[in-house]
C-alpha atoms as a PDB file:
ATOM      1  CA  MET A   1      -0.158  -0.058  -0.060  1.00  0.00           C
ATOM      2  CA  ALA A   2       2.997   2.308   0.932  1.00  0.00           C
ATOM      3  CA  ASP A   3       4.229   1.748  -2.948  1.00  0.00           C
ATOM      4  CA  LEU A   4       0.944   3.240  -4.193  1.00  0.00           C
ATOM      5  CA  ILE A   5       1.153   6.516  -2.157  1.00  0.00           C
ATOM      6  CA  SER A   6       3.785   8.257  -3.789  1.00  0.00           C
ATOM      7  CA  ASP A   7       4.953  11.839  -3.689  1.00  0.00           C
ATOM      8  CA  SER A   8       2.415  12.996  -6.209  1.00  0.00           C
ATOM      9  CA  PHE A   9      -0.622  11.061  -4.738  1.00  0.00           C
ATOM     10  CA  PHE A  10      -2.169  14.044  -3.204  1.00  0.00           C
ATOM     11  CA  SER A  11      -1.683  16.100  -6.322  1.00  0.00           C
ATOM     12  CA  ILE A  12      -3.055  13.797  -8.358  1.00  0.00           C
ATOM     13  CA  LEU A  13      -6.206  13.213  -5.646  1.00  0.00           C
ATOM     14  CA  ALA A  14      -6.597  17.224  -5.729  1.00  0.00           C
ATOM     15  CA  ALA A  15      -6.596  17.315  -9.756  1.00  0.00           C
ATOM     16  CA  GLY A  16      -9.210  14.164  -9.816  1.00  0.00           C
ATOM     17  CA  PHE A  17     -11.480  16.089  -7.119  1.00  0.00           C
ATOM     18  CA  PHE A  18     -11.540  19.607  -8.576  1.00  0.00           C
ATOM     19  CA  VAL A  19     -11.967  18.112 -12.512  1.00  0.00           C
ATOM     20  CA  GLY A  20     -14.678  15.830 -11.009  1.00  0.00           C
ATOM     21  CA  ILE A  21     -16.460  18.924  -9.775  1.00  0.00           C
ATOM     22  CA  VAL A  22     -16.354  20.609 -12.972  1.00  0.00           C
ATOM     23  CA  VAL A  23     -17.571  17.558 -14.803  1.00  0.00           C
ATOM     24  CA  GLY A  24     -20.357  17.175 -12.337  1.00  0.00           C
ATOM     25  CA  LEU A  25     -21.362  20.998 -12.726  1.00  0.00           C
ATOM     26  CA  THR A  26     -21.424  20.889 -16.489  1.00  0.00           C
ATOM     27  CA  GLY A  27     -21.765  17.295 -17.452  1.00  0.00           C
ATOM     28  CA  MET A  28     -18.735  17.654 -19.765  1.00  0.00           C
ATOM     29  CA  GLY A  29     -16.455  14.556 -20.406  1.00  0.00           C
ATOM     30  CA  GLY A  30     -13.590  14.624 -17.915  1.00  0.00           C
ATOM     31  CA  GLY A  31     -10.780  13.619 -20.475  1.00  0.00           C
ATOM     32  CA  ALA A  32     -10.541  16.872 -21.953  1.00  0.00           C
ATOM     33  CA  LEU A  33      -9.824  18.423 -18.517  1.00  0.00           C
ATOM     34  CA  MET A  34      -8.220  15.688 -16.726  1.00  0.00           C
ATOM     35  CA  THR A  35      -5.726  14.399 -19.149  1.00  0.00           C
ATOM     36  CA  PRO A  36      -3.916  17.843 -19.745  1.00  0.00           C
ATOM     37  CA  ALA A  37      -4.130  18.369 -16.165  1.00  0.00           C
ATOM     38  CA  LEU A  38      -2.091  15.618 -15.267  1.00  0.00           C
ATOM     39  CA  ILE A  39       0.461  16.125 -18.233  1.00  0.00           C
ATOM     40  CA  PHE A  40       1.083  19.474 -16.811  1.00  0.00           C
ATOM     41  CA  LEU A  41       1.434  18.054 -13.103  1.00  0.00           C
ATOM     42  CA  GLY A  42       4.150  15.737 -14.315  1.00  0.00           C
ATOM     43  CA  VAL A  43       2.775  12.589 -12.948  1.00  0.00           C
ATOM     44  CA  GLY A  44       3.745  10.307 -15.904  1.00  0.00           C
ATOM     45  CA  ASP A  45       4.358  10.584 -19.686  1.00  0.00           C
ATOM     46  CA  ALA A  46       1.347  11.276 -22.058  1.00  0.00           C
ATOM     47  CA  ALA A  47       0.563   7.395 -22.806  1.00  0.00           C
ATOM     48  CA  THR A  48       0.514   6.587 -18.788  1.00  0.00           C
ATOM     49  CA  VAL A  49      -1.826   9.431 -18.454  1.00  0.00           C
ATOM     50  CA  VAL A  50      -4.266   8.662 -21.224  1.00  0.00           C
ATOM     51  CA  THR A  51      -4.325   5.040 -19.917  1.00  0.00           C
ATOM     52  CA  ALA A  52      -5.067   5.944 -16.224  1.00  0.00           C
ATOM     53  CA  ASP A  53      -7.753   8.587 -17.235  1.00  0.00           C
ATOM     54  CA  LEU A  54      -9.617   6.179 -19.509  1.00  0.00           C
ATOM     55  CA  THR A  55      -9.642   3.572 -16.905  1.00  0.00           C
ATOM     56  CA  ALA A  56     -10.895   6.068 -14.351  1.00  0.00           C
ATOM     57  CA  ALA A  57     -13.638   7.134 -16.725  1.00  0.00           C
ATOM     58  CA  ALA A  58     -14.736   3.870 -17.426  1.00  0.00           C
ATOM     59  CA  VAL A  59     -15.404   3.871 -13.670  1.00  0.00           C
ATOM     60  CA  TYR A  60     -17.543   6.954 -13.239  1.00  0.00           C
ATOM     61  CA  LYS A  61     -19.323   7.076 -16.491  1.00  0.00           C
ATOM     62  CA  THR A  62     -21.108   3.641 -16.160  1.00  0.00           C
ATOM     63  CA  GLY A  63     -22.960   4.957 -13.202  1.00  0.00           C
ATOM     64  CA  GLY A  64     -24.201   7.981 -15.140  1.00  0.00           C
ATOM     65  CA  ALA A  65     -25.348   5.827 -17.841  1.00  0.00           C
ATOM     66  CA  ILE A  66     -27.204   3.271 -15.354  1.00  0.00           C
ATOM     67  CA  VAL A  67     -28.990   6.152 -14.172  1.00  0.00           C
ATOM     68  CA  HIS A  68     -29.816   7.607 -17.624  1.00  0.00           C
ATOM     69  CA  LYS A  69     -31.001   3.880 -18.866  1.00  0.00           C
ATOM     70  CA  ARG A  70     -33.334   3.452 -15.910  1.00  0.00           C
ATOM     71  CA  GLU A  71     -34.862   6.789 -16.663  1.00  0.00           C
ATOM     72  CA  GLY A  72     -35.420   5.928 -20.197  1.00  0.00           C
ATOM     73  CA  SER A  73     -33.860   8.788 -21.955  1.00  0.00           C
ATOM     74  CA  PRO A  74     -31.400   7.238 -24.117  1.00  0.00           C
ATOM     75  CA  ASN A  75     -31.985   6.303 -27.706  1.00  0.00           C
ATOM     76  CA  MET A  76     -30.917   2.621 -27.549  1.00  0.00           C
ATOM     77  CA  GLN A  77     -30.871   2.092 -31.329  1.00  0.00           C
ATOM     78  CA  LEU A  78     -28.871   5.162 -31.962  1.00  0.00           C
ATOM     79  CA  ALA A  79     -26.415   4.245 -29.242  1.00  0.00           C
ATOM     80  CA  LYS A  80     -25.980   0.720 -30.903  1.00  0.00           C
ATOM     81  CA  TRP A  81     -24.959   2.381 -34.200  1.00  0.00           C
ATOM     82  CA  LEU A  82     -22.720   4.481 -32.413  1.00  0.00           C
ATOM     83  CA  ILE A  83     -21.106   1.650 -30.304  1.00  0.00           C
ATOM     84  CA  LEU A  84     -20.632  -0.524 -33.462  1.00  0.00           C
ATOM     85  CA  GLY A  85     -18.438   2.163 -35.007  1.00  0.00           C
ATOM     86  CA  SER A  86     -16.640   3.377 -31.847  1.00  0.00           C
ATOM     87  CA  VAL A  87     -15.422   0.324 -30.151  1.00  0.00           C
ATOM     88  CA  PRO A  88     -13.425  -1.297 -33.008  1.00  0.00           C
ATOM     89  CA  MET A  89     -11.786   1.931 -33.470  1.00  0.00           C
ATOM     90  CA  ALA A  90     -11.018   2.715 -29.792  1.00  0.00           C
ATOM     91  CA  LEU A  91      -9.387  -0.748 -29.789  1.00  0.00           C
ATOM     92  CA  LEU A  92      -7.537  -0.063 -33.275  1.00  0.00           C
ATOM     93  CA  GLY A  93      -6.158   3.580 -32.286  1.00  0.00           C
ATOM     94  CA  PRO A  94      -3.764   2.993 -29.750  1.00  0.00           C
ATOM     95  CA  HIS A  95      -2.023   0.190 -31.869  1.00  0.00           C
ATOM     96  CA  LEU A  96      -2.149   2.419 -35.137  1.00  0.00           C
ATOM     97  CA  VAL A  97      -0.086   5.195 -33.301  1.00  0.00           C
ATOM     98  CA  SER A  98       2.232   2.678 -31.875  1.00  0.00           C
ATOM     99  CA  TRP A  99       2.946   0.997 -35.313  1.00  0.00           C
ATOM    100  CA  PHE A 100       3.575   4.124 -36.976  1.00  0.00           C
ATOM    101  CA  THR A 101       5.292   6.214 -34.441  1.00  0.00           C
ATOM    102  CA  ASP A 102       9.159   5.353 -33.123  1.00  0.00           C
ATOM    103  CA  PRO A 103       8.940   4.802 -29.496  1.00  0.00           C
ATOM    104  CA  GLU A 104      11.015   7.422 -28.792  1.00  0.00           C
ATOM    105  CA  ASP A 105       8.695   9.902 -30.425  1.00  0.00           C
ATOM    106  CA  LEU A 106       5.551   8.396 -28.771  1.00  0.00           C
ATOM    107  CA  ASP A 107       5.317  11.074 -25.920  1.00  0.00           C
ATOM    108  CA  LYS A 108       5.713  13.939 -28.389  1.00  0.00           C
ATOM    109  CA  THR A 109       3.181  12.394 -30.971  1.00  0.00           C
ATOM    110  CA  LEU A 110       0.568  11.693 -28.177  1.00  0.00           C
ATOM    111  CA  LYS A 111       0.993  15.207 -26.956  1.00  0.00           C
ATOM    112  CA  LEU A 112       0.672  16.565 -30.190  1.00  0.00           C
ATOM    113  CA  CYS A 113      -2.348  14.559 -30.684  1.00  0.00           C
ATOM    114  CA  ILE A 114      -4.080  15.700 -27.411  1.00  0.00           C
ATOM    115  CA  GLY A 115      -3.435  19.385 -28.048  1.00  0.00           C
ATOM    116  CA  PHE A 116      -5.177  19.298 -31.413  1.00  0.00           C
ATOM    117  CA  ALA A 117      -8.132  17.267 -29.867  1.00  0.00           C
ATOM    118  CA  LEU A 118      -8.256  19.594 -27.172  1.00  0.00           C
ATOM    119  CA  LEU A 119      -8.823  22.539 -29.883  1.00  0.00           C
ATOM    120  CA  LEU A 120     -11.354  20.455 -31.541  1.00  0.00           C
ATOM    121  CA  ALA A 121     -13.156  19.775 -28.364  1.00  0.00           C
ATOM    122  CA  ALA A 122     -13.231  23.657 -27.586  1.00  0.00           C
ATOM    123  CA  LEU A 123     -14.561  24.401 -31.118  1.00  0.00           C
ATOM    124  CA  THR A 124     -17.247  21.797 -30.983  1.00  0.00           C
ATOM    125  CA  TYR A 125     -18.554  22.959 -27.855  1.00  0.00           C
ATOM    126  CA  ALA A 126     -18.744  26.362 -29.014  1.00  0.00           C
ATOM    127  CA  LEU A 127     -20.474  25.205 -32.192  1.00  0.00           C
ATOM    128  CA  ARG A 128     -22.923  23.112 -29.824  1.00  0.00           C
ATOM    129  CA  LEU A 129     -23.845  26.439 -28.106  1.00  0.00           C
ATOM    130  CA  TYR A 130     -24.671  28.248 -31.214  1.00  0.00           C
ATOM    131  CA  ILE A 131     -26.691  25.395 -32.915  1.00  0.00           C
ATOM    132  CA  ASN A 132     -28.745  25.218 -29.514  1.00  0.00           C
ATOM    133  CA  LEU A 133     -29.266  29.104 -29.854  1.00  0.00           C
ATOM    134  CA  ARG A 134     -30.371  28.711 -33.261  1.00  0.00           C
ATOM    135  CA  ARG A 135     -32.890  26.161 -31.999  1.00  0.00           C
ATOM    136  CA  VAL A 136     -34.169  28.308 -29.397  1.00  0.00           C
ATOM    137  CA  ARG A 137     -34.795  31.070 -32.015  1.00  0.00           C
ATOM    138  CA  ARG A 138     -36.466  29.034 -34.715  1.00  0.00           C
ATOM    139  CA  GLY A 139     -38.137  26.500 -32.432  1.00  0.00           C
ATOM    140  CA  HIS A 140     -38.502  22.757 -33.386  1.00  0.00           C
ATOM    141  CA  GLU A 141     -40.626  19.691 -32.699  1.00  0.00           C
ATOM    142  CA  HIS A 142     -38.844  17.272 -30.584  1.00  0.00           C
ATOM    143  CA  ASP A 143     -38.584  13.932 -32.579  1.00  0.00           C
ATOM    144  CA  GLU A 144     -38.345  11.136 -29.867  1.00  0.00           C
ATOM    145  CA  THR A 145     -37.921   8.470 -32.473  1.00  0.00           C
ATOM    146  CA  PRO A 146     -35.837   9.964 -35.220  1.00  0.00           C
ATOM    147  CA  LYS A 147     -35.351   7.778 -38.417  1.00  0.00           C
ATOM    148  CA  ILE A 148     -31.721   6.258 -37.874  1.00  0.00           C
ATOM    149  CA  ARG A 149     -28.972   6.919 -40.397  1.00  0.00           C
ATOM    150  CA  PRO A 150     -26.845   3.873 -39.991  1.00  0.00           C
ATOM    151  CA  LEU A 151     -23.820   4.602 -42.081  1.00  0.00           C
ATOM    152  CA  ALA A 152     -23.769   8.462 -41.076  1.00  0.00           C
ATOM    153  CA  THR A 153     -23.955   7.296 -37.191  1.00  0.00           C
ATOM    154  CA  LEU A 154     -21.271   4.413 -37.503  1.00  0.00           C
ATOM    155  CA  LEU A 155     -18.812   7.118 -39.076  1.00  0.00           C
ATOM    156  CA  VAL A 156     -19.273   9.317 -36.415  1.00  0.00           C
ATOM    157  CA  GLY A 157     -18.723   6.452 -33.837  1.00  0.00           C
ATOM    158  CA  ALA A 158     -15.583   5.370 -35.578  1.00  0.00           C
ATOM    159  CA  LEU A 159     -14.309   8.999 -35.441  1.00  0.00           C
ATOM    160  CA  GLY A 160     -15.114   9.378 -31.994  1.00  0.00           C
ATOM    161  CA  GLY A 161     -13.584   5.903 -31.075  1.00  0.00           C
ATOM    162  CA  LEU A 162     -10.257   6.689 -32.834  1.00  0.00           C
ATOM    163  CA  LEU A 163     -10.002  10.120 -31.095  1.00  0.00           C
ATOM    164  CA  VAL A 164     -10.689   8.755 -27.834  1.00  0.00           C
ATOM    165  CA  GLY A 165      -8.749   5.620 -27.946  1.00  0.00           C
ATOM    166  CA  VAL A 166      -5.807   7.803 -28.690  1.00  0.00           C
ATOM    167  CA  THR A 167      -6.112  10.825 -26.713  1.00  0.00           C
ATOM    168  CA  SER A 168      -9.080  10.170 -24.310  1.00  0.00           C
ATOM    169  CA  VAL A 169     -10.709  13.379 -25.538  1.00  0.00           C
ATOM    170  CA  GLY A 170     -13.828  13.431 -27.715  1.00  0.00           C
ATOM    171  CA  SER A 171     -16.699  11.293 -26.206  1.00  0.00           C
ATOM    172  CA  GLY A 172     -18.686  14.194 -24.926  1.00  0.00           C
ATOM    173  CA  SER A 173     -17.662  16.828 -27.317  1.00  0.00           C
ATOM    174  CA  VAL A 174     -17.272  15.725 -30.941  1.00  0.00           C
ATOM    175  CA  ILE A 175     -19.716  12.861 -30.833  1.00  0.00           C
ATOM    176  CA  MET A 176     -22.489  15.161 -29.339  1.00  0.00           C
ATOM    177  CA  ILE A 177     -22.025  17.847 -31.822  1.00  0.00           C
ATOM    178  CA  ALA A 178     -22.143  15.378 -34.448  1.00  0.00           C
ATOM    179  CA  LEU A 179     -25.297  13.815 -32.968  1.00  0.00           C
ATOM    180  CA  LEU A 180     -27.097  17.588 -32.841  1.00  0.00           C
ATOM    181  CA  MET A 181     -26.146  17.896 -36.548  1.00  0.00           C
ATOM    182  CA  LEU A 182     -27.392  14.472 -37.753  1.00  0.00           C
ATOM    183  CA  TYR A 183     -30.644  14.385 -35.347  1.00  0.00           C
ATOM    184  CA  PRO A 184     -31.626  18.014 -34.545  1.00  0.00           C
ATOM    185  CA  GLY A 185     -34.942  16.848 -33.410  1.00  0.00           C
ATOM    186  CA  LEU A 186     -33.636  14.929 -30.512  1.00  0.00           C
ATOM    187  CA  ALA A 187     -34.433  16.051 -27.126  1.00  0.00           C
ATOM    188  CA  ALA A 188     -31.449  17.398 -24.776  1.00  0.00           C
ATOM    189  CA  VAL A 189     -32.200  14.745 -22.233  1.00  0.00           C
ATOM    190  CA  ARG A 190     -32.109  11.838 -24.996  1.00  0.00           C
ATOM    191  CA  LEU A 191     -29.276  13.276 -26.545  1.00  0.00           C
ATOM    192  CA  VAL A 192     -26.988  13.124 -23.319  1.00  0.00           C
ATOM    193  CA  GLY A 193     -28.673   9.933 -22.267  1.00  0.00           C
ATOM    194  CA  THR A 194     -27.511   8.483 -25.870  1.00  0.00           C
ATOM    195  CA  ASP A 195     -24.076   9.970 -25.586  1.00  0.00           C
ATOM    196  CA  LEU A 196     -23.471   8.521 -22.156  1.00  0.00           C
ATOM    197  CA  VAL A 197     -24.678   5.286 -22.792  1.00  0.00           C
ATOM    198  CA  GLN A 198     -22.337   4.879 -26.047  1.00  0.00           C
ATOM    199  CA  ALA A 199     -19.311   6.154 -23.910  1.00  0.00           C
ATOM    200  CA  VAL A 200     -19.223   3.404 -21.475  1.00  0.00           C
ATOM    201  CA  PRO A 201     -18.339   0.785 -23.953  1.00  0.00           C
ATOM    202  CA  LEU A 202     -16.214   3.055 -25.986  1.00  0.00           C
ATOM    203  CA  VAL A 203     -14.035   4.419 -22.922  1.00  0.00           C
ATOM    204  CA  LEU A 204     -13.606   0.753 -21.728  1.00  0.00           C
ATOM    205  CA  ALA A 205     -12.182  -0.578 -24.978  1.00  0.00           C
ATOM    206  CA  ALA A 206      -9.948   2.280 -25.378  1.00  0.00           C
ATOM    207  CA  ALA A 207      -8.965   1.731 -21.643  1.00  0.00           C
ATOM    208  CA  ILE A 208      -8.431  -1.939 -22.607  1.00  0.00           C
ATOM    209  CA  SER A 209      -6.348  -1.168 -25.650  1.00  0.00           C
ATOM    210  CA  ASN A 210      -4.077   1.367 -23.930  1.00  0.00           C
ATOM    211  CA  ILE A 211      -3.461  -1.058 -20.932  1.00  0.00           C
ATOM    212  CA  VAL A 212      -2.548  -4.094 -23.218  1.00  0.00           C
ATOM    213  CA  LEU A 213       0.052  -1.321 -24.800  1.00  0.00           C
ATOM    214  CA  HIS A 214       1.207   0.544 -22.068  1.00  0.00           C
ATOM    215  CA  GLY A 215       0.154  -1.373 -19.036  1.00  0.00           C
ATOM    216  CA  LEU A 216      -1.671   0.690 -16.084  1.00  0.00           C
ATOM    217  CA  ASP A 217      -0.066   2.819 -13.272  1.00  0.00           C
ATOM    218  CA  TRP A 218      -1.883   1.989 -10.215  1.00  0.00           C
ATOM    219  CA  SER A 219      -0.196   4.752  -8.200  1.00  0.00           C
ATOM    220  CA  LEU A 220      -1.909   7.208 -10.680  1.00  0.00           C
ATOM    221  CA  LEU A 221      -5.361   5.320 -11.236  1.00  0.00           C
ATOM    222  CA  ILE A 222      -6.154   4.820  -7.396  1.00  0.00           C
ATOM    223  CA  PRO A 223      -5.987   8.457  -6.194  1.00  0.00           C
ATOM    224  CA  LEU A 224      -7.567   9.810  -9.624  1.00  0.00           C
ATOM    225  CA  VAL A 225     -10.618   7.481  -8.625  1.00  0.00           C
ATOM    226  CA  ILE A 226     -10.689   8.398  -5.011  1.00  0.00           C
ATOM    227  CA  GLY A 227     -10.640  12.258  -5.881  1.00  0.00           C
ATOM    228  CA  SER A 228     -12.828  12.214  -9.137  1.00  0.00           C
ATOM    229  CA  VAL A 229     -15.887  10.153  -7.918  1.00  0.00           C
ATOM    230  CA  PRO A 230     -16.614  12.453  -4.973  1.00  0.00           C
ATOM    231  CA  GLY A 231     -15.776  15.590  -6.942  1.00  0.00           C
ATOM    232  CA  THR A 232     -18.517  14.506  -9.750  1.00  0.00           C
ATOM    233  CA  LEU A 233     -20.958  13.805  -6.887  1.00  0.00           C
ATOM    234  CA  LEU A 234     -20.312  17.294  -5.340  1.00  0.00           C
ATOM    235  CA  GLY A 235     -20.487  19.099  -8.378  1.00  0.00           C
ATOM    236  CA  SER A 236     -23.926  17.446  -9.520  1.00  0.00           C
ATOM    237  CA  LYS A 237     -25.222  18.606  -6.167  1.00  0.00           C
ATOM    238  CA  ILE A 238     -24.389  22.175  -6.236  1.00  0.00           C
ATOM    239  CA  ALA A 239     -24.692  22.395 -10.091  1.00  0.00           C
ATOM    240  CA  PRO A 240     -28.427  24.208  -9.484  1.00  0.00           C
ATOM    241  CA  ARG A 241     -26.724  26.800  -7.374  1.00  0.00           C
ATOM    242  CA  VAL A 242     -23.869  27.766  -9.324  1.00  0.00           C
ATOM    243  CA  PRO A 243     -23.703  30.293 -12.599  1.00  0.00           C
ATOM    244  CA  GLN A 244     -22.889  27.691 -15.172  1.00  0.00           C
ATOM    245  CA  SER A 245     -22.747  30.277 -17.885  1.00  0.00           C
ATOM    246  CA  PHE A 246     -19.490  31.637 -16.662  1.00  0.00           C
ATOM    247  CA  ILE A 247     -18.192  28.089 -16.078  1.00  0.00           C
ATOM    248  CA  ARG A 248     -18.815  26.720 -19.478  1.00  0.00           C
ATOM    249  CA  ARG A 249     -17.246  29.945 -21.467  1.00  0.00           C
ATOM    250  CA  GLY A 250     -14.503  29.423 -18.834  1.00  0.00           C
ATOM    251  CA  ILE A 251     -14.076  25.722 -19.966  1.00  0.00           C
ATOM    252  CA  VAL A 252     -13.872  26.605 -23.635  1.00  0.00           C
ATOM    253  CA  ILE A 253     -11.017  29.080 -23.013  1.00  0.00           C
ATOM    254  CA  VAL A 254      -9.206  26.626 -20.553  1.00  0.00           C
ATOM    255  CA  LEU A 255      -9.649  23.765 -23.407  1.00  0.00           C
ATOM    256  CA  THR A 256      -8.002  26.315 -25.989  1.00  0.00           C
ATOM    257  CA  MET A 257      -5.112  27.346 -23.556  1.00  0.00           C
ATOM    258  CA  SER A 258      -4.446  23.782 -22.650  1.00  0.00           C
ATOM    259  CA  GLY A 259      -4.272  23.152 -26.342  1.00  0.00           C
ATOM    260  CA  VAL A 260      -1.989  25.567 -27.409  1.00  0.00           C
ATOM    261  CA  ALA A 261       0.378  24.802 -24.285  1.00  0.00           C
ATOM    262  CA  LEU A 262       0.540  20.894 -25.131  1.00  0.00           C
ATOM    263  CA  LEU A 263       1.356  21.796 -28.824  1.00  0.00           C
ATOM    264  CA  ASP A 264       4.011  24.153 -27.699  1.00  0.00           C
ATOM    265  CA  LYS A 265       5.241  21.668 -25.249  1.00  0.00           C
ATOM    266  CA  ALA A 266       5.578  18.980 -28.119  1.00  0.00           C
ATOM    267  CA  GLY A 267       7.451  21.378 -30.340  1.00  0.00           C
ATOM    268  CA  TRP A 268       4.636  21.787 -32.766  1.00  0.00           C
ATOM    269  CA  ALA A 269       6.518  24.012 -35.705  1.00  0.00           C
ATOM    270  CA  PRO A 270       4.307  27.135 -35.497  1.00  0.00           C
ATOM    271  CA  LEU A 271       4.805  27.503 -31.813  1.00  0.00           C
ATOM    272  CA  GLY A 272       7.901  25.407 -31.502  1.00  0.00           C
ATOM    273  CA  ALA A 273       9.291  25.485 -27.698  1.00  0.00           C
ATOM    274  CA  GLY A 274       9.788  21.889 -27.575  1.00  0.00           C
ATOM    275  CA  ASP A 275      11.835  19.845 -25.116  1.00  0.00           C
ATOM    276  CA  ASP A 276       9.189  19.700 -23.040  1.00  0.00           C
ATOM    277  CA  ASP A 277       8.992  23.390 -22.485  1.00  0.00           C
ATOM    278  CA  THR A 278       6.185  25.889 -23.182  1.00  0.00           C
ATOM    279  CA  HIS A 279       6.042  29.941 -23.907  1.00  0.00           C
ATOM    280  CA  PRO A 280       3.894  30.927 -20.775  1.00  0.00           C
ATOM    281  CA  MET A 281       3.487  34.553 -22.165  1.00  0.00           C
ATOM    282  CA  LEU A 282       2.076  33.383 -25.323  1.00  0.00           C
ATOM    283  CA  VAL A 283      -0.389  30.921 -23.574  1.00  0.00           C
ATOM    284  CA  GLY A 284      -1.495  33.443 -20.947  1.00  0.00           C
ATOM    285  CA  VAL A 285      -2.153  36.204 -23.820  1.00  0.00           C
ATOM    286  CA  ILE A 286      -4.160  33.916 -25.660  1.00  0.00           C
ATOM    287  CA  GLY A 287      -6.190  33.363 -22.659  1.00  0.00           C
ATOM    288  CA  LEU A 288      -6.432  36.913 -22.110  1.00  0.00           C
ATOM    289  CA  VAL A 289      -7.413  37.699 -25.553  1.00  0.00           C
ATOM    290  CA  MET A 290     -10.334  34.941 -25.188  1.00  0.00           C
ATOM    291  CA  VAL A 291     -11.393  36.229 -21.939  1.00  0.00           C
ATOM    292  CA  VAL A 292     -12.348  39.563 -23.641  1.00  0.00           C
ATOM    293  CA  VAL A 293     -13.254  38.355 -27.161  1.00  0.00           C
ATOM    294  CA  VAL A 294     -15.479  35.281 -26.419  1.00  0.00           C
ATOM    295  CA  PRO A 295     -18.123  37.223 -24.581  1.00  0.00           C
ATOM    296  CA  PHE A 296     -18.195  39.904 -27.350  1.00  0.00           C
ATOM    297  CA  VAL A 297     -18.371  37.492 -30.295  1.00  0.00           C
ATOM    298  CA  TRP A 298     -21.129  35.478 -28.155  1.00  0.00           C
ATOM    299  CA  GLY A 299     -23.076  38.695 -27.700  1.00  0.00           C
ATOM    300  CA  LEU A 300     -22.841  39.502 -31.528  1.00  0.00           C
ATOM    301  CA  LEU A 301     -24.148  36.011 -32.131  1.00  0.00           C
ATOM    302  CA  ARG A 302     -27.111  36.702 -30.293  1.00  0.00           C
ATOM    303  CA  LYS A 303     -27.953  39.869 -31.746  1.00  0.00           C
ATOM    304  CA  GLN A 304     -27.880  38.070 -35.186  1.00  0.00           C
ATOM    305  CA  GLN A 305     -30.564  36.111 -33.776  1.00  0.00           C
ATOM    306  CA  GLY A 306     -32.686  38.805 -32.422  1.00  0.00           C
ATOM    307  CA  LEU A 307     -31.474  38.308 -28.643  1.00  0.00           C
ATOM    308  CA  PRO A 308     -30.128  41.000 -26.510  1.00  0.00           C
ATOM    309  CA  MET A 309     -26.303  40.738 -26.145  1.00  0.00           C
ATOM    310  CA  PHE A 310     -26.704  39.449 -22.723  1.00  0.00           C
ATOM    311  CA  GLY A 311     -29.252  37.530 -20.564  1.00  0.00           C
ATOM    312  CA  SER A 312     -31.771  34.987 -21.148  1.00  0.00           C
ATOM    313  CA  PRO A 313     -31.424  32.427 -22.487  1.00  0.00           C
ATOM    314  CA  THR A 314     -28.173  31.853 -20.596  1.00  0.00           C
ATOM    315  CA  VAL A 315     -25.533  29.441 -21.687  1.00  0.00           C
ATOM    316  CA  ALA A 316     -26.749  26.799 -19.036  1.00  0.00           C
ATOM    317  CA  GLU A 317     -30.142  27.411 -20.228  1.00  0.00           C
ATOM    318  CA  LEU A 318     -29.311  26.392 -23.751  1.00  0.00           C
ATOM    319  CA  GLU A 319     -28.427  23.148 -22.682  1.00  0.00           C
ATOM    320  CA  GLY A 320     -31.720  22.089 -21.319  1.00  0.00           C
ATOM    321  CA  ASP A 321     -35.457  21.406 -22.879  1.00  0.00           C
ATOM    322  CA  ARG A 322     -37.232  24.222 -21.109  1.00  0.00           C
ATOM    323  CA  TYR A 323     -35.991  27.099 -23.759  1.00  0.00           C
ATOM    324  CA  GLU A 324     -36.142  24.453 -26.604  1.00  0.00           C
ATOM    325  CA  ARG A 325     -40.032  24.325 -26.040  1.00  0.00           C
ATOM    326  CA  ALA A 326     -40.431  27.752 -25.258  1.00  0.00           C
ATOM    327  CA  GLY A 327     -38.990  28.534 -28.744  1.00  0.00           C
ATOM    328  CA  ARG A 328     -41.671  26.874 -30.579  1.00  0.00           C
ATOM    329  CA  ASP A 329     -43.902  29.785 -29.270  1.00  0.00           C
ATOM    330  CA  ARG A 330     -41.466  32.471 -30.196  1.00  0.00           C
ATOM    331  CA  PRO A 331     -41.459  34.617 -33.468  1.00  0.00           C
ATOM    332  CA  ALA A 332     -38.521  33.633 -35.591  1.00  0.00           C
END
């Protein structure tokens, strides 16, 4: 037991707890936040961190999926086609990277992949909010049993599976926005439930594949699970009393800064610090610019849809069904 309590035990536990709170508050996938946090803590190389994060996610996502299944919210037919696409690619993805990457370059390659995945996650989350804003203004009828598009859904699952298998990022961001585009009539609660149900076998397959390739660091996994599970429960409990609009905008900024920092750390040519180093001033300036620019751009998008620049519906309200229903009674 003493071997498991390393010098970094409590820092990993704290990271798991705080990221768990954010996951509980917002419902966002933890991989996009946990993986870069652990890499920047320096508790292991990228492959070790991805493996531990995926294994921990398989634990806490299962509980959420069971709750949604009992409430009858997921569309199981849709989840089936996503799983058929995602699980094989989640199993294959880590092996593809190992086959085509020199072992000495694996850490750098994974950091590059995670960096780009984080930027993609930030972009898709922002796009998801914009799509929801348009749905509110135009109004639409919910389609509880949409006509399934097998090939397109299978391809979405395959892309998500590859992304998650390699980086641990994407099960709650890239797949979600693709579902919104393919099935615009699907209610928010069914969308989230479907995504959660398909995420369990996806994350489990990705975890197994990474464990086979890289092994599992128990000294990293145990504090991660111990911290993230109560953090997620606490975040879920306090979510109704927290102004989520600011948190969700903050997450887009944090994902962008983390993605840029990881690309910098991996020595991506346009940034190019490399040697496991970063340009802190560059990352800080990007964050500062986004703090100013993001609310302004969001306000302009709201005005374009005939809404005031600030106010209701808030970012958090756009994620629920109440404003979707109200949108049907508003003039376009």
